[in-house]
Structures are given as structure tokens and as C-alpha cells.
Amino acid sequence: MITTARATVTFDSTHKDEHEGPHLHGHTFIVTVLEVADLAGPCVTLWDDLFTVTRSLHLHTLGDMLYGGSERLDGIAAWICERLLLEHPRITSVEVAIPGSAGVVTREIR
């Protein structure tokens, strides 16, 4: 039987949105990562590693951390995924959402 480990964390960051004017504004982001468990069971470090990765974005301006239009949800998901895949090659998806909005992006890993 295949099992899946799930880790969810939140972080707060600011960014500029060309459609909303030149000023910074902030969001709380919810990140959920799914990982297929190996034969020994779910990876117990997934939450810790996700927390560490998102702490580098927490209370920072996304434009200073992510380049080339990566401030959108799909860019944030890709950035987080890149940092987790080395230690967690069995990740199947990274979802980034903004609570209370229609903004949800899931990056599927095949």
C-alpha cells in the first residue's frame, strides 16, 4: 500500500503587483507538500525541511528573493519545490495558496 506524507506551513511576505500599483502589499501564503512514503514509512523530516525553506521567504519581499516573475504562486511553488527535491525526491506536489482568495496553484511532480 502506498501512503503519502503531507506537510503544511504558512509564511507572510510582501510583493509588488503591477496590476495593483507600485506599492508593496503583503499576503499570508499556505504551502502544502505531498510526498510518497518509502517502505520505511513517511519521511519525518518533510515538515521540518518545508518550514526551513519557507522561513527564508517569511517577512521578506518576494521580489528580493525570487527573480524573473517568480513572485506569482506558480513561481513560489517552483522555488520551494527546487529546494526540497534534493532531500525529498518522492514529492508529488507543492501547493501554494492565499487564504480567502481564488489564488491556489498546485505544481505536480511526475
N, C-alpha and C. Protein backbone atom coordinates (compact mmCIF):
# COMPACT_ATOMS: atom_id res chain seq x y z
N MET A 1 0.83 -1.17 0.00
CA MET A 1 0.00 0.00 0.00
C MET A 1 0.88 1.25 0.00
N ILE A 2 0.55 2.19 -0.85
CA ILE A 2 1.29 3.44 -0.94
C ILE A 2 0.66 4.46 -0.01
N THR A 3 1.48 5.08 0.82
CA THR A 3 1.00 6.13 1.69
C THR A 3 1.64 7.45 1.30
N THR A 4 1.02 8.53 1.74
CA THR A 4 1.51 9.86 1.40
C THR A 4 1.69 10.67 2.68
N ALA A 5 2.81 11.35 2.76
CA ALA A 5 3.06 12.29 3.86
C ALA A 5 2.64 13.67 3.38
N ARG A 6 2.04 14.44 4.28
CA ARG A 6 1.60 15.80 3.96
C ARG A 6 2.20 16.74 4.99
N ALA A 7 2.75 17.85 4.49
CA ALA A 7 3.27 18.89 5.37
C ALA A 7 2.68 20.23 4.93
N THR A 8 2.20 21.01 5.90
CA THR A 8 1.61 22.31 5.59
C THR A 8 2.21 23.36 6.52
N VAL A 9 2.63 24.48 5.95
CA VAL A 9 3.14 25.61 6.73
C VAL A 9 2.58 26.91 6.13
N THR A 10 2.67 27.97 6.90
CA THR A 10 2.29 29.29 6.39
C THR A 10 3.50 30.23 6.53
N PHE A 11 3.52 31.24 5.68
CA PHE A 11 4.51 32.30 5.81
C PHE A 11 3.90 33.59 5.28
N ASP A 12 4.44 34.71 5.71
CA ASP A 12 3.97 36.02 5.30
C ASP A 12 5.07 36.73 4.53
N SER A 13 4.71 37.31 3.39
CA SER A 13 5.66 38.04 2.56
C SER A 13 4.96 39.19 1.86
N THR A 14 5.76 40.12 1.38
CA THR A 14 5.24 41.23 0.59
C THR A 14 5.74 41.12 -0.84
N HIS A 15 5.03 41.81 -1.74
CA HIS A 15 5.47 41.89 -3.13
C HIS A 15 4.78 43.06 -3.81
N LYS A 16 5.25 43.40 -4.98
CA LYS A 16 4.61 44.42 -5.81
C LYS A 16 3.84 43.69 -6.90
N ASP A 17 2.65 44.19 -7.19
CA ASP A 17 1.84 43.62 -8.26
C ASP A 17 1.57 44.75 -9.25
N GLU A 18 2.04 44.58 -10.47
CA GLU A 18 1.91 45.64 -11.48
C GLU A 18 0.45 46.02 -11.70
N HIS A 19 -0.48 45.11 -11.42
CA HIS A 19 -1.89 45.40 -11.62
C HIS A 19 -2.50 46.15 -10.44
N GLU A 20 -1.79 46.22 -9.33
CA GLU A 20 -2.31 46.86 -8.12
C GLU A 20 -1.51 48.11 -7.74
N GLY A 21 -0.67 48.60 -8.64
CA GLY A 21 0.07 49.82 -8.37
C GLY A 21 1.51 49.54 -7.95
N PRO A 22 2.26 50.62 -7.68
CA PRO A 22 3.70 50.49 -7.41
C PRO A 22 4.07 50.16 -5.97
N HIS A 23 3.08 50.04 -5.09
CA HIS A 23 3.39 49.87 -3.67
C HIS A 23 3.41 48.39 -3.27
N LEU A 24 4.20 48.12 -2.25
CA LEU A 24 4.25 46.77 -1.69
C LEU A 24 2.95 46.46 -0.95
N HIS A 25 2.54 45.23 -1.02
CA HIS A 25 1.45 44.75 -0.18
C HIS A 25 1.76 43.31 0.21
N GLY A 26 1.13 42.83 1.25
CA GLY A 26 1.50 41.52 1.78
C GLY A 26 0.39 40.50 1.73
N HIS A 27 0.79 39.25 1.85
CA HIS A 27 -0.12 38.12 1.89
C HIS A 27 0.40 37.10 2.90
N THR A 28 -0.51 36.31 3.40
CA THR A 28 -0.15 35.09 4.09
C THR A 28 -0.29 33.98 3.06
N PHE A 29 0.71 33.16 2.93
CA PHE A 29 0.69 32.05 1.99
C PHE A 29 0.61 30.74 2.76
N ILE A 30 -0.17 29.81 2.25
CA ILE A 30 -0.23 28.46 2.80
C ILE A 30 0.43 27.53 1.79
N VAL A 31 1.40 26.76 2.25
CA VAL A 31 2.12 25.82 1.38
C VAL A 31 1.86 24.40 1.89
N THR A 32 1.41 23.54 0.98
CA THR A 32 1.19 22.14 1.32
C THR A 32 1.99 21.28 0.35
N VAL A 33 2.77 20.36 0.90
CA VAL A 33 3.61 19.47 0.10
C VAL A 33 3.18 18.03 0.36
N LEU A 34 3.05 17.26 -0.72
CA LEU A 34 2.74 15.83 -0.61
C LEU A 34 3.95 15.04 -1.05
N GLU A 35 4.23 13.97 -0.31
CA GLU A 35 5.38 13.12 -0.62
C GLU A 35 4.97 11.66 -0.46
N VAL A 36 5.32 10.84 -1.43
CA VAL A 36 5.06 9.40 -1.34
C VAL A 36 6.00 8.82 -0.30
N ALA A 37 5.45 8.03 0.60
CA ALA A 37 6.27 7.42 1.64
C ALA A 37 7.06 6.25 1.06
N ASP A 38 8.26 6.03 1.58
CA ASP A 38 9.03 4.88 1.14
C ASP A 38 8.63 3.67 1.98
N LEU A 39 9.29 2.57 1.80
CA LEU A 39 8.93 1.34 2.50
C LEU A 39 9.05 1.48 4.02
N ALA A 40 9.88 2.38 4.47
CA ALA A 40 10.06 2.57 5.91
C ALA A 40 8.98 3.48 6.50
N GLY A 41 8.16 4.08 5.65
CA GLY A 41 7.11 4.97 6.13
C GLY A 41 7.34 6.39 5.65
N PRO A 42 6.45 7.30 6.05
CA PRO A 42 6.56 8.69 5.61
C PRO A 42 7.86 9.33 6.10
N CYS A 43 8.34 10.27 5.33
CA CYS A 43 9.55 10.99 5.71
C CYS A 43 9.22 11.96 6.85
N VAL A 44 9.82 11.73 7.99
CA VAL A 44 9.50 12.53 9.17
C VAL A 44 10.12 13.92 9.12
N THR A 45 11.06 14.17 8.23
CA THR A 45 11.70 15.48 8.16
C THR A 45 11.03 16.41 7.15
N LEU A 46 9.98 15.97 6.47
CA LEU A 46 9.35 16.80 5.44
C LEU A 46 8.88 18.13 6.02
N TRP A 47 8.16 18.12 7.13
CA TRP A 47 7.66 19.36 7.70
C TRP A 47 8.81 20.26 8.12
N ASP A 48 9.81 19.70 8.78
CA ASP A 48 10.97 20.50 9.21
C ASP A 48 11.67 21.15 8.04
N ASP A 49 11.86 20.40 6.97
CA ASP A 49 12.55 20.94 5.79
C ASP A 49 11.70 21.99 5.09
N LEU A 50 10.39 21.77 5.00
CA LEU A 50 9.49 22.76 4.40
C LEU A 50 9.49 24.04 5.24
N PHE A 51 9.45 23.90 6.54
CA PHE A 51 9.49 25.06 7.43
C PHE A 51 10.78 25.86 7.21
N THR A 52 11.91 25.17 7.13
CA THR A 52 13.19 25.84 6.93
C THR A 52 13.22 26.59 5.60
N VAL A 53 12.72 25.97 4.54
CA VAL A 53 12.70 26.62 3.21
C VAL A 53 11.81 27.85 3.24
N THR A 54 10.62 27.75 3.81
CA THR A 54 9.71 28.90 3.79
C THR A 54 10.14 29.99 4.76
N ARG A 55 10.93 29.67 5.78
CA ARG A 55 11.44 30.71 6.69
C ARG A 55 12.32 31.70 5.94
N SER A 56 12.97 31.26 4.87
CA SER A 56 13.81 32.21 4.12
C SER A 56 12.96 33.20 3.32
N LEU A 57 11.66 32.92 3.14
CA LEU A 57 10.74 33.85 2.48
C LEU A 57 9.94 34.67 3.49
N HIS A 58 9.79 34.17 4.70
CA HIS A 58 8.94 34.78 5.71
C HIS A 58 9.43 36.19 6.06
N LEU A 59 8.49 37.14 5.98
CA LEU A 59 8.73 38.55 6.30
C LEU A 59 9.77 39.21 5.39
N HIS A 60 9.92 38.68 4.19
CA HIS A 60 10.78 39.28 3.18
C HIS A 60 9.93 39.71 1.98
N THR A 61 10.50 40.55 1.16
CA THR A 61 9.86 40.94 -0.09
C THR A 61 10.19 39.89 -1.14
N LEU A 62 9.17 39.30 -1.74
CA LEU A 62 9.39 38.22 -2.70
C LEU A 62 10.25 38.65 -3.87
N GLY A 63 10.14 39.91 -4.29
CA GLY A 63 10.95 40.40 -5.40
C GLY A 63 12.44 40.39 -5.09
N ASP A 64 12.79 40.46 -3.82
CA ASP A 64 14.19 40.40 -3.42
C ASP A 64 14.70 38.96 -3.36
N MET A 65 13.79 38.01 -3.22
CA MET A 65 14.15 36.61 -3.05
C MET A 65 13.99 35.79 -4.33
N LEU A 66 12.97 36.10 -5.11
CA LEU A 66 12.62 35.33 -6.30
C LEU A 66 12.73 36.24 -7.52
N TYR A 67 13.37 35.75 -8.57
CA TYR A 67 13.62 36.59 -9.74
C TYR A 67 12.84 36.11 -10.95
N GLY A 68 12.66 37.02 -11.91
CA GLY A 68 12.09 36.66 -13.19
C GLY A 68 10.60 36.35 -13.17
N GLY A 69 9.81 37.11 -12.43
CA GLY A 69 8.38 36.88 -12.39
C GLY A 69 7.96 35.76 -11.46
N SER A 70 8.87 35.29 -10.64
CA SER A 70 8.58 34.18 -9.76
C SER A 70 7.75 34.56 -8.55
N GLU A 71 7.33 35.82 -8.47
CA GLU A 71 6.54 36.26 -7.33
C GLU A 71 5.11 35.74 -7.38
N ARG A 72 4.70 35.21 -8.52
CA ARG A 72 3.36 34.62 -8.62
C ARG A 72 3.35 33.27 -7.92
N LEU A 73 2.16 32.74 -7.67
CA LEU A 73 2.04 31.49 -6.93
C LEU A 73 2.78 30.34 -7.59
N ASP A 74 2.74 30.26 -8.92
CA ASP A 74 3.44 29.16 -9.59
C ASP A 74 4.95 29.29 -9.45
N GLY A 75 5.46 30.51 -9.44
CA GLY A 75 6.89 30.73 -9.24
C GLY A 75 7.33 30.40 -7.82
N ILE A 76 6.47 30.74 -6.84
CA ILE A 76 6.78 30.41 -5.45
C ILE A 76 6.80 28.89 -5.27
N ALA A 77 5.81 28.21 -5.86
CA ALA A 77 5.76 26.74 -5.77
C ALA A 77 7.00 26.11 -6.40
N ALA A 78 7.43 26.62 -7.55
CA ALA A 78 8.62 26.08 -8.22
C ALA A 78 9.86 26.31 -7.37
N TRP A 79 9.99 27.49 -6.77
CA TRP A 79 11.14 27.83 -5.93
C TRP A 79 11.23 26.89 -4.73
N ILE A 80 10.10 26.67 -4.07
CA ILE A 80 10.06 25.78 -2.91
C ILE A 80 10.38 24.35 -3.34
N CYS A 81 9.79 23.92 -4.44
CA CYS A 81 10.00 22.55 -4.95
C CYS A 81 11.48 22.30 -5.24
N GLU A 82 12.13 23.25 -5.90
CA GLU A 82 13.55 23.09 -6.22
C GLU A 82 14.39 22.87 -4.97
N ARG A 83 14.06 23.55 -3.90
CA ARG A 83 14.84 23.43 -2.68
C ARG A 83 14.55 22.16 -1.90
N LEU A 84 13.36 21.59 -2.08
CA LEU A 84 13.00 20.38 -1.35
C LEU A 84 13.37 19.08 -2.07
N LEU A 85 13.42 19.11 -3.40
CA LEU A 85 13.58 17.87 -4.15
C LEU A 85 14.89 17.13 -3.88
N LEU A 86 15.94 17.82 -3.53
CA LEU A 86 17.21 17.12 -3.26
C LEU A 86 17.08 16.18 -2.07
N GLU A 87 16.42 16.64 -1.02
CA GLU A 87 16.25 15.81 0.18
C GLU A 87 14.98 14.96 0.13
N HIS A 88 14.05 15.34 -0.75
CA HIS A 88 12.75 14.66 -0.81
C HIS A 88 12.39 14.36 -2.27
N PRO A 89 13.07 13.41 -2.89
CA PRO A 89 12.83 13.13 -4.31
C PRO A 89 11.47 12.48 -4.59
N ARG A 90 10.73 12.10 -3.56
CA ARG A 90 9.43 11.48 -3.75
C ARG A 90 8.26 12.47 -3.63
N ILE A 91 8.56 13.77 -3.67
CA ILE A 91 7.50 14.78 -3.63
C ILE A 91 6.64 14.64 -4.89
N THR A 92 5.32 14.69 -4.69
CA THR A 92 4.40 14.59 -5.83
C THR A 92 3.73 15.91 -6.15
N SER A 93 3.63 16.81 -5.16
CA SER A 93 3.05 18.12 -5.46
C SER A 93 3.41 19.14 -4.40
N VAL A 94 3.44 20.40 -4.85
CA VAL A 94 3.63 21.54 -3.97
C VAL A 94 2.49 22.50 -4.29
N GLU A 95 1.67 22.80 -3.29
CA GLU A 95 0.53 23.69 -3.47
C GLU A 95 0.77 24.97 -2.69
N VAL A 96 0.56 26.11 -3.34
CA VAL A 96 0.68 27.40 -2.69
C VAL A 96 -0.65 28.12 -2.84
N ALA A 97 -1.19 28.60 -1.72
CA ALA A 97 -2.50 29.25 -1.73
C ALA A 97 -2.46 30.52 -0.90
N ILE A 98 -3.36 31.44 -1.23
CA ILE A 98 -3.59 32.64 -0.43
C ILE A 98 -4.96 32.47 0.20
N PRO A 99 -5.03 32.40 1.53
CA PRO A 99 -6.32 32.19 2.18
C PRO A 99 -7.34 33.27 1.81
N GLY A 100 -8.57 32.85 1.58
CA GLY A 100 -9.64 33.78 1.28
C GLY A 100 -9.65 34.31 -0.14
N SER A 101 -8.82 33.75 -1.01
CA SER A 101 -8.82 34.18 -2.41
C SER A 101 -8.91 32.96 -3.30
N ALA A 102 -9.10 33.22 -4.57
CA ALA A 102 -9.15 32.12 -5.54
C ALA A 102 -7.74 31.68 -5.92
N GLY A 103 -6.72 32.30 -5.32
CA GLY A 103 -5.34 32.02 -5.68
C GLY A 103 -4.81 30.73 -5.09
N VAL A 104 -4.82 29.67 -5.89
CA VAL A 104 -4.23 28.39 -5.50
C VAL A 104 -3.51 27.82 -6.72
N VAL A 105 -2.28 27.43 -6.54
CA VAL A 105 -1.52 26.79 -7.61
C VAL A 105 -0.95 25.50 -7.06
N THR A 106 -1.13 24.41 -7.81
CA THR A 106 -0.53 23.15 -7.44
C THR A 106 0.48 22.79 -8.51
N ARG A 107 1.69 22.56 -8.13
CA ARG A 107 2.74 22.14 -9.05
C ARG A 107 2.92 20.64 -8.89
N GLU A 108 2.48 19.90 -9.90
CA GLU A 108 2.57 18.44 -9.87
C GLU A 108 3.96 18.00 -10.29
N ILE A 109 4.50 17.02 -9.62
CA ILE A 109 5.81 16.45 -9.95
C ILE A 109 5.56 15.04 -10.46
N ARG A 110 6.10 14.73 -11.61
CA ARG A 110 5.88 13.38 -12.19
C ARG A 110 7.15 12.59 -12.17
